[in-house]
């Protein structure tokens, strides 16, 4: 009498969509609490091989190994932040020259607008004042800046602490999941955890290597063009490139703005754009396929959509977390039979096609033969 109850398709699909909506609502409502936790879990997965090395090779106690790993990674991040702050300080010392160059470019732009659209300087100033009236006032802008700085400082303290605890209690969390899944699904849980670890480690380690290479290529290109503050702009480009598709565009805009404010030669902008385009072509066609070689491959549509959703839910942190979270979800979907179609549509493997009533549809079987059986072809022609 233990018959398996099979729900209709529309009921299962509705429940899945409802679960996704509730999950997104939870992420949006609790982003300030959940984002540091998610980042800590990703960093813990990335740093786990270092902890294992200190445990097994150097015979360090587990607590000491975790503590040294977190402290070393924190010092590395602090070094990068101090370097960027030092470079920004050099830029600030040239503020008067930057302001003068910016005013020159602004005057050229206003002159072009006047000659092209026949709008006087006075009218342009009025339009600019009206456009800025709806923006934040000085007091609101200061309050927003202080609030953002406080959140960043709080997360900077909280994330290393969470990372330390996740690494310390890793076995306890795995035991919890094992007891929660039950004896029947132990092997499936083990497979999911292993694939998630491999996917996240491959993705994050590849991103770090990509960061170094993109930074180096951008620095060399900006040096050839003759851009001031080339190394700072290269570092910023490498860091922003961690956000797929969107980060490189923001980095290019920042580089163009920095070039305009440090030089009055408008032709240099073409060199900056050329450097960013060439680096992006190398990154997308060589570095990403060879270095960022995650075992979970996600197609471009799902990647861009998840980045947009992540940005709408949690800003830059959400955009950075979008791809790893989607990769983890794909691993889970691929290992659960009822959710396997969702994992399929998230992948980047283009299925083969076959003709059905003069309509070419993707083949859903995993066979290697690209031809259609003869009897099926004949039946199709007859229909």
Protein backbone atom coordinates (compact mmCIF):
# COMPACT_ATOMS: atom_id res chain seq x y z
CA UNK A 1 0.00 0.00 0.00
CA UNK A 2 3.08 2.27 -0.01
CA UNK A 3 2.28 3.78 -3.40
CA UNK A 4 4.31 6.79 -4.45
CA UNK A 5 2.13 9.87 -4.89
CA UNK A 6 2.88 11.66 -8.14
CA UNK A 7 1.81 15.31 -8.21
CA UNK A 8 0.70 16.85 -11.52
CA UNK A 9 3.21 18.90 -13.46
CA UNK A 10 1.50 22.22 -12.81
CA UNK A 11 1.43 21.54 -9.05
CA UNK A 12 5.13 20.65 -8.88
CA UNK A 13 6.11 23.61 -11.06
CA UNK A 14 3.99 25.99 -8.97
CA UNK A 15 5.56 24.75 -5.74
CA UNK A 16 9.06 25.17 -7.15
CA UNK A 17 8.33 28.72 -8.34
CA UNK A 18 6.77 29.55 -4.97
CA UNK A 19 9.85 28.22 -3.18
CA UNK A 20 12.13 30.32 -5.40
CA UNK A 21 10.06 33.46 -4.75
CA UNK A 22 10.11 32.85 -0.98
CA UNK A 23 13.87 32.27 -1.13
CA UNK A 24 14.43 35.55 -3.01
CA UNK A 25 12.16 37.36 -0.56
CA UNK A 26 14.15 35.93 2.34
CA UNK A 27 17.43 37.01 0.73
CA UNK A 28 16.13 40.53 0.15
CA UNK A 29 14.68 40.94 3.65
CA UNK A 30 17.69 39.48 5.43
CA UNK A 31 20.50 40.59 3.12
CA UNK A 32 22.38 42.47 5.85
CA UNK A 33 22.49 39.30 7.93
CA UNK A 34 22.85 36.66 5.21
CA UNK A 35 25.39 38.31 2.88
CA UNK A 36 28.27 38.16 5.44
CA UNK A 37 27.39 34.52 6.13
CA UNK A 38 27.42 33.59 2.43
CA UNK A 39 30.72 35.39 1.85
CA UNK A 40 32.23 33.65 4.87
CA UNK A 41 31.16 30.23 3.61
CA UNK A 42 32.74 30.91 0.21
CA UNK A 43 35.98 32.14 1.77
CA UNK A 44 36.01 29.14 4.10
CA UNK A 45 35.69 26.76 1.13
CA UNK A 46 38.51 28.61 -0.63
CA UNK A 47 40.80 28.56 2.43
CA UNK A 48 40.07 24.97 3.44
CA UNK A 49 43.06 23.49 1.50
CA UNK A 50 45.40 25.77 3.46
CA UNK A 51 43.94 24.55 6.75
CA UNK A 52 44.24 20.93 5.63
CA UNK A 53 47.88 21.53 4.65
CA UNK A 54 48.70 23.02 8.07
CA UNK A 55 46.86 20.16 9.80
CA UNK A 56 48.30 17.20 7.93
CA UNK A 57 51.69 18.35 6.66
CA UNK A 58 52.88 20.67 9.41
CA UNK A 59 50.95 18.94 12.23
CA UNK A 60 49.41 22.16 13.53
CA UNK A 61 46.42 21.85 15.89
CA UNK A 62 43.14 22.51 14.14
CA UNK A 63 42.41 25.75 15.98
CA UNK A 64 45.90 27.13 15.34
CA UNK A 65 45.75 26.15 11.66
CA UNK A 66 42.41 27.88 11.19
CA UNK A 67 43.56 30.98 13.06
CA UNK A 68 46.79 31.32 11.05
CA UNK A 69 44.93 30.85 7.77
CA UNK A 70 42.33 33.51 8.53
CA UNK A 71 44.95 35.98 9.84
CA UNK A 72 47.18 35.50 6.78
CA UNK A 73 44.28 36.06 4.38
CA UNK A 74 43.15 39.09 6.36
CA UNK A 75 46.64 40.61 6.22
CA UNK A 76 46.71 40.06 2.46
CA UNK A 77 43.41 41.91 2.01
CA UNK A 78 44.59 44.70 4.31
CA UNK A 79 47.76 45.06 2.24
CA UNK A 80 45.73 45.54 -0.94
CA UNK A 81 43.45 48.08 0.76
CA UNK A 82 46.41 50.05 2.13
CA UNK A 83 48.08 50.08 -1.28
CA UNK A 84 44.94 51.38 -3.00
CA UNK A 85 44.49 54.00 -0.26
CA UNK A 86 48.09 55.12 -0.68
CA UNK A 87 47.64 55.48 -4.44
CA UNK A 88 44.36 57.37 -3.98
CA UNK A 89 46.21 59.70 -1.60
CA UNK A 90 48.66 60.53 -4.39
CA UNK A 91 45.74 61.33 -6.66
CA UNK A 92 44.19 63.56 -4.00
CA UNK A 93 47.43 65.56 -3.79
CA UNK A 94 46.94 66.48 -7.46
CA UNK A 95 43.33 67.54 -6.90
CA UNK A 96 43.83 71.11 -8.15
CA UNK A 97 45.25 69.89 -11.47
CA UNK A 98 42.53 67.25 -11.78
CA UNK A 99 39.85 69.89 -11.20
CA UNK A 100 41.43 72.18 -13.78
CA UNK A 101 41.56 69.41 -16.43
CA UNK A 102 38.00 68.42 -15.65
CA UNK A 103 36.80 72.00 -16.15
CA UNK A 104 38.60 72.12 -19.50
CA UNK A 105 36.86 68.94 -20.69
CA UNK A 106 33.53 70.22 -19.34
CA UNK A 107 33.98 73.47 -21.27
CA UNK A 108 34.74 71.54 -24.48
CA UNK A 109 31.65 69.39 -23.95
CA UNK A 110 29.43 72.41 -23.35
CA UNK A 111 30.85 74.05 -26.46
CA UNK A 112 30.04 70.93 -28.49
CA UNK A 113 26.49 70.89 -27.12
CA UNK A 114 26.07 74.58 -27.97
CA UNK A 115 27.33 74.12 -31.55
CA UNK A 116 25.40 70.89 -32.16
CA UNK A 117 22.07 71.47 -30.37
CA UNK A 118 22.16 75.30 -30.19
CA UNK A 119 21.76 75.37 -26.42
CA UNK A 120 23.50 78.27 -24.73
CA UNK A 121 25.84 77.92 -21.76
CA UNK A 122 23.23 79.56 -19.53
CA UNK A 123 20.53 77.08 -20.51
CA UNK A 124 22.93 74.18 -19.96
CA UNK A 125 23.71 75.43 -16.46
CA UNK A 126 19.99 75.69 -15.71
CA UNK A 127 19.38 72.13 -16.93
CA UNK A 128 22.28 70.89 -14.80
CA UNK A 129 20.98 72.64 -11.70
CA UNK A 130 17.49 71.22 -12.23
CA UNK A 131 18.91 67.72 -12.70
CA UNK A 132 20.90 67.90 -9.48
CA UNK A 133 18.06 69.30 -7.37
CA UNK A 134 16.46 65.86 -7.10
CA UNK A 135 19.70 64.26 -5.95
CA UNK A 136 20.75 63.85 -2.33
CA UNK A 137 21.43 67.00 -0.38
CA UNK A 138 24.77 67.49 1.34
CA UNK A 139 23.43 66.31 4.70
CA UNK A 140 21.69 63.26 3.20
CA UNK A 141 24.79 62.40 1.17
CA UNK A 142 27.00 62.59 4.25
CA UNK A 143 24.59 60.44 6.25
CA UNK A 144 24.44 57.88 3.43
CA UNK A 145 28.23 57.83 3.14
CA UNK A 146 28.69 57.35 6.90
CA UNK A 147 26.09 54.57 6.92
CA UNK A 148 27.77 52.77 4.00
CA UNK A 149 31.20 53.12 5.60
CA UNK A 150 29.84 51.72 8.87
CA UNK A 151 28.32 48.72 7.09
CA UNK A 152 31.57 48.01 5.24
CA UNK A 153 33.61 48.28 8.45
CA UNK A 154 31.18 46.04 10.33
CA UNK A 155 31.27 43.39 7.58
CA UNK A 156 35.06 43.63 7.39
CA UNK A 157 35.19 42.62 11.05
CA UNK A 158 32.33 40.12 10.92
CA UNK A 159 33.30 38.16 7.79
CA UNK A 160 36.74 37.00 9.07
CA UNK A 161 35.12 36.01 12.36
CA UNK A 162 32.43 34.00 10.55
CA UNK A 163 35.06 32.44 8.28
CA UNK A 164 37.06 31.34 11.32
CA UNK A 165 33.97 29.74 12.90
CA UNK A 166 32.91 28.00 9.67
CA UNK A 167 36.38 26.48 9.27
CA UNK A 168 36.52 25.56 12.95
CA UNK A 169 33.11 23.86 13.07
CA UNK A 170 33.17 22.45 9.53
CA UNK A 171 32.84 18.83 10.66
CA UNK A 172 29.97 19.74 12.95
CA UNK A 173 28.04 21.32 10.06
CA UNK A 174 28.67 18.27 7.88
CA UNK A 175 27.44 15.98 10.67
CA UNK A 176 24.31 18.15 10.98
CA UNK A 177 23.57 17.78 7.26
CA UNK A 178 24.23 14.05 7.45
CA UNK A 179 21.76 13.57 10.28
CA UNK A 180 19.25 15.84 8.55
CA UNK A 181 19.39 13.90 5.26
CA UNK A 182 18.98 10.49 6.88
CA UNK A 183 20.59 7.17 6.04
CA UNK A 184 18.77 6.82 2.71
CA UNK A 185 20.37 9.88 1.11
CA UNK A 186 23.87 9.71 2.56
CA UNK A 187 25.59 8.94 -0.74
CA UNK A 188 23.69 11.65 -2.59
CA UNK A 189 24.55 14.18 0.13
CA UNK A 190 28.21 13.19 -0.05
CA UNK A 191 28.17 13.67 -3.84
CA UNK A 192 26.51 17.09 -3.56
CA UNK A 193 28.96 18.32 -0.89
CA UNK A 194 31.95 17.11 -2.88
CA UNK A 195 30.76 18.72 -6.12
CA UNK A 196 29.90 21.98 -4.35
CA UNK A 197 33.37 22.11 -2.79
CA UNK A 198 35.06 21.39 -6.13
CA UNK A 199 32.92 23.93 -8.00
CA UNK A 200 33.39 26.78 -5.50
CA UNK A 201 37.12 26.17 -5.04
CA UNK A 202 37.68 25.97 -8.79
CA UNK A 203 35.65 29.12 -9.38
CA UNK A 204 37.22 31.26 -6.63
CA UNK A 205 40.79 30.08 -7.23
CA UNK A 206 40.34 30.74 -10.94
CA UNK A 207 39.04 34.22 -10.17
CA UNK A 208 42.13 35.03 -8.11
CA UNK A 209 44.46 33.89 -10.91
CA UNK A 210 42.35 35.82 -13.43
CA UNK A 211 42.58 38.92 -11.21
CA UNK A 212 46.40 38.82 -11.25
CA UNK A 213 46.63 38.27 -15.02
CA UNK A 214 44.02 40.92 -15.91
CA UNK A 215 45.76 43.39 -13.60
CA UNK A 216 49.13 42.70 -15.25
CA UNK A 217 47.79 42.96 -18.81
CA UNK A 218 45.91 46.17 -18.05
CA UNK A 219 48.98 47.69 -16.38
CA UNK A 220 51.18 46.91 -19.38
CA UNK A 221 48.59 48.30 -21.79
CA UNK A 222 48.09 51.53 -19.83
CA UNK A 223 51.86 51.99 -19.58
CA UNK A 224 52.16 51.69 -23.36
CA UNK A 225 49.39 54.24 -23.83
CA UNK A 226 51.09 56.50 -21.28
CA UNK A 227 48.36 56.76 -18.65
CA UNK A 228 49.11 58.30 -15.28
CA UNK A 229 48.21 56.17 -12.24
CA UNK A 230 48.38 53.10 -14.50
CA UNK A 231 49.02 50.60 -11.72
CA UNK A 232 46.14 51.85 -9.55
CA UNK A 233 43.74 51.71 -12.49
CA UNK A 234 45.01 48.22 -13.36
CA UNK A 235 44.40 46.99 -9.80
CA UNK A 236 40.91 48.50 -9.78
CA UNK A 237 40.19 46.88 -13.15
CA UNK A 238 41.35 43.48 -11.89
CA UNK A 239 39.21 43.73 -8.75
CA UNK A 240 36.10 44.94 -10.55
CA UNK A 241 36.57 42.21 -13.15
CA UNK A 242 35.61 39.74 -10.41
CA UNK A 243 32.05 40.84 -11.13
CA UNK A 244 31.34 39.19 -14.50
CA UNK A 245 30.12 41.27 -17.46
CA UNK A 246 29.35 44.37 -15.35
CA UNK A 247 32.63 44.95 -13.51
CA UNK A 248 34.78 45.47 -16.61
CA UNK A 249 32.36 48.14 -17.89
CA UNK A 250 32.56 50.05 -14.59
CA UNK A 251 36.36 49.71 -14.62
CA UNK A 252 36.51 51.08 -18.17
CA UNK A 253 34.38 54.09 -17.20
CA UNK A 254 36.59 54.77 -14.16
CA UNK A 255 39.72 54.54 -16.31
CA UNK A 256 38.26 56.94 -18.87
CA UNK A 257 37.27 59.41 -16.15
CA UNK A 258 40.73 59.20 -14.53
CA UNK A 259 42.34 59.75 -17.93
CA UNK A 260 40.20 62.79 -18.68
CA UNK A 261 40.97 64.36 -15.33
CA UNK A 262 44.72 63.73 -15.53
CA UNK A 263 45.23 64.87 -19.13
CA UNK A 264 43.73 67.35 -21.56
CA UNK A 265 44.45 65.13 -24.58
CA UNK A 266 41.13 63.58 -25.58
CA UNK A 267 42.86 61.12 -27.95
CA UNK A 268 44.26 59.22 -24.97
CA UNK A 269 40.74 58.01 -24.22
CA UNK A 270 40.84 55.92 -27.41
CA UNK A 271 43.96 54.19 -26.10
CA UNK A 272 42.27 53.44 -22.75
CA UNK A 273 39.22 52.00 -24.51
CA UNK A 274 41.44 49.90 -26.78
CA UNK A 275 43.35 48.49 -23.79
CA UNK A 276 40.12 47.54 -21.99
CA UNK A 277 38.65 45.95 -25.12
CA UNK A 278 41.78 43.90 -25.86
CA UNK A 279 42.09 42.75 -22.24
CA UNK A 280 38.41 41.80 -22.17
CA UNK A 281 38.76 39.79 -25.41
CA UNK A 282 41.75 37.92 -23.95
CA UNK A 283 39.90 37.39 -20.68
CA UNK A 284 36.69 36.07 -22.22
CA UNK A 285 38.28 33.85 -24.87
CA UNK A 286 41.43 32.57 -23.14
CA UNK A 287 41.53 33.18 -19.39
CA UNK A 288 37.96 32.26 -18.48
CA UNK A 289 37.84 28.98 -20.47
CA UNK A 290 41.34 27.87 -19.35
CA UNK A 291 41.67 29.24 -15.80
CA UNK A 292 38.17 29.78 -14.42
CA UNK A 293 37.38 26.14 -15.17
CA UNK A 294 34.60 25.32 -12.76
CA UNK A 295 33.15 21.82 -12.96
CA UNK A 296 29.71 23.44 -12.98
CA UNK A 297 29.23 25.37 -16.20
CA UNK A 298 26.48 27.99 -16.38
CA UNK A 299 25.27 29.54 -19.61
CA UNK A 300 25.58 33.27 -20.30
CA UNK A 301 21.85 34.00 -20.04
CA UNK A 302 21.56 32.53 -16.54
CA UNK A 303 24.83 34.22 -15.51
CA UNK A 304 23.74 37.70 -16.59
CA UNK A 305 20.24 37.24 -15.20
CA UNK A 306 21.56 36.06 -11.84
CA UNK A 307 24.00 39.01 -11.67
CA UNK A 308 21.15 41.45 -12.35
CA UNK A 309 18.96 39.80 -9.71
CA UNK A 310 21.84 39.68 -7.23
CA UNK A 311 22.55 43.37 -7.80
CA UNK A 312 18.88 44.25 -7.31
CA UNK A 313 18.70 42.23 -4.08
CA UNK A 314 22.02 43.06 -2.43
CA UNK A 315 24.09 45.48 -4.53
CA UNK A 316 27.72 44.71 -5.34
CA UNK A 317 27.91 41.87 -2.81
CA UNK A 318 24.89 40.26 -4.44
CA UNK A 319 26.47 40.59 -7.89
CA UNK A 320 29.65 38.91 -6.65
CA UNK A 321 27.74 36.10 -4.92
CA UNK A 322 25.37 35.48 -7.83
CA UNK A 323 27.54 33.10 -9.85
CA UNK A 324 28.75 30.93 -6.90
CA UNK A 325 25.22 30.63 -5.52
CA UNK A 326 23.83 29.68 -8.93
CA UNK A 327 26.65 27.14 -9.34
CA UNK A 328 25.75 25.60 -5.97
CA UNK A 329 22.07 25.50 -6.91
CA UNK A 330 22.94 23.80 -10.19
CA UNK A 331 24.86 21.08 -8.33
CA UNK A 332 21.83 20.51 -6.10
CA UNK A 333 19.41 20.50 -9.05
CA UNK A 334 21.56 18.04 -11.01
CA UNK A 335 21.50 15.55 -8.12
CA UNK A 336 17.77 15.71 -7.37
CA UNK A 337 15.61 13.97 -9.94
CA UNK A 338 12.58 16.25 -9.69
CA UNK A 339 14.75 19.39 -10.07
CA UNK A 340 17.01 18.04 -12.81
CA UNK A 341 15.30 20.05 -15.62
CA UNK A 342 16.25 23.28 -13.84
CA UNK A 343 19.86 22.16 -13.67
CA UNK A 344 19.71 21.31 -17.38
CA UNK A 345 18.44 24.74 -18.44
CA UNK A 346 21.17 26.43 -16.36
CA UNK A 347 23.99 24.56 -18.13
CA UNK A 348 25.95 25.72 -21.15
CA UNK A 349 25.91 22.47 -23.13
CA UNK A 350 23.89 23.02 -26.29
CA UNK A 351 21.79 19.90 -26.98
CA UNK A 352 21.62 18.27 -30.39
CA UNK A 353 18.51 18.75 -32.49
CA UNK A 354 16.11 16.54 -34.34
CA UNK A 355 13.16 17.17 -36.63
CA UNK A 356 9.65 16.58 -35.37
CA UNK A 357 6.78 17.54 -37.68
CA UNK A 358 9.10 19.97 -39.53
CA UNK A 359 10.07 21.65 -36.26
CA UNK A 360 13.65 21.30 -35.04
CA UNK A 361 13.69 20.56 -31.32
CA UNK A 362 16.58 19.79 -28.96
CA UNK A 363 17.34 16.17 -28.25
CA UNK A 364 16.95 15.41 -24.58
CA UNK A 365 18.71 12.05 -24.61
CA UNK A 366 22.41 11.80 -23.79
CA UNK A 367 23.31 9.75 -26.86
CA UNK A 368 26.35 10.61 -28.93
CA UNK A 369 24.80 9.94 -32.32
CA UNK A 370 23.64 13.02 -34.12
CA UNK A 371 21.39 11.22 -36.66
CA UNK A 372 17.76 10.38 -36.23
CA UNK A 373 16.66 6.77 -36.50
CA UNK A 374 15.40 5.92 -39.96
CA UNK A 375 11.99 4.75 -38.74
CA UNK A 376 11.49 8.05 -36.93
CA UNK A 377 12.42 9.96 -40.09
CA UNK A 378 9.97 7.98 -42.14
CA UNK A 379 7.25 8.50 -39.58
CA UNK A 380 7.97 12.24 -39.57
CA UNK A 381 7.71 12.41 -43.36
CA UNK A 382 4.44 10.48 -43.29
CA UNK A 383 3.02 12.91 -40.75
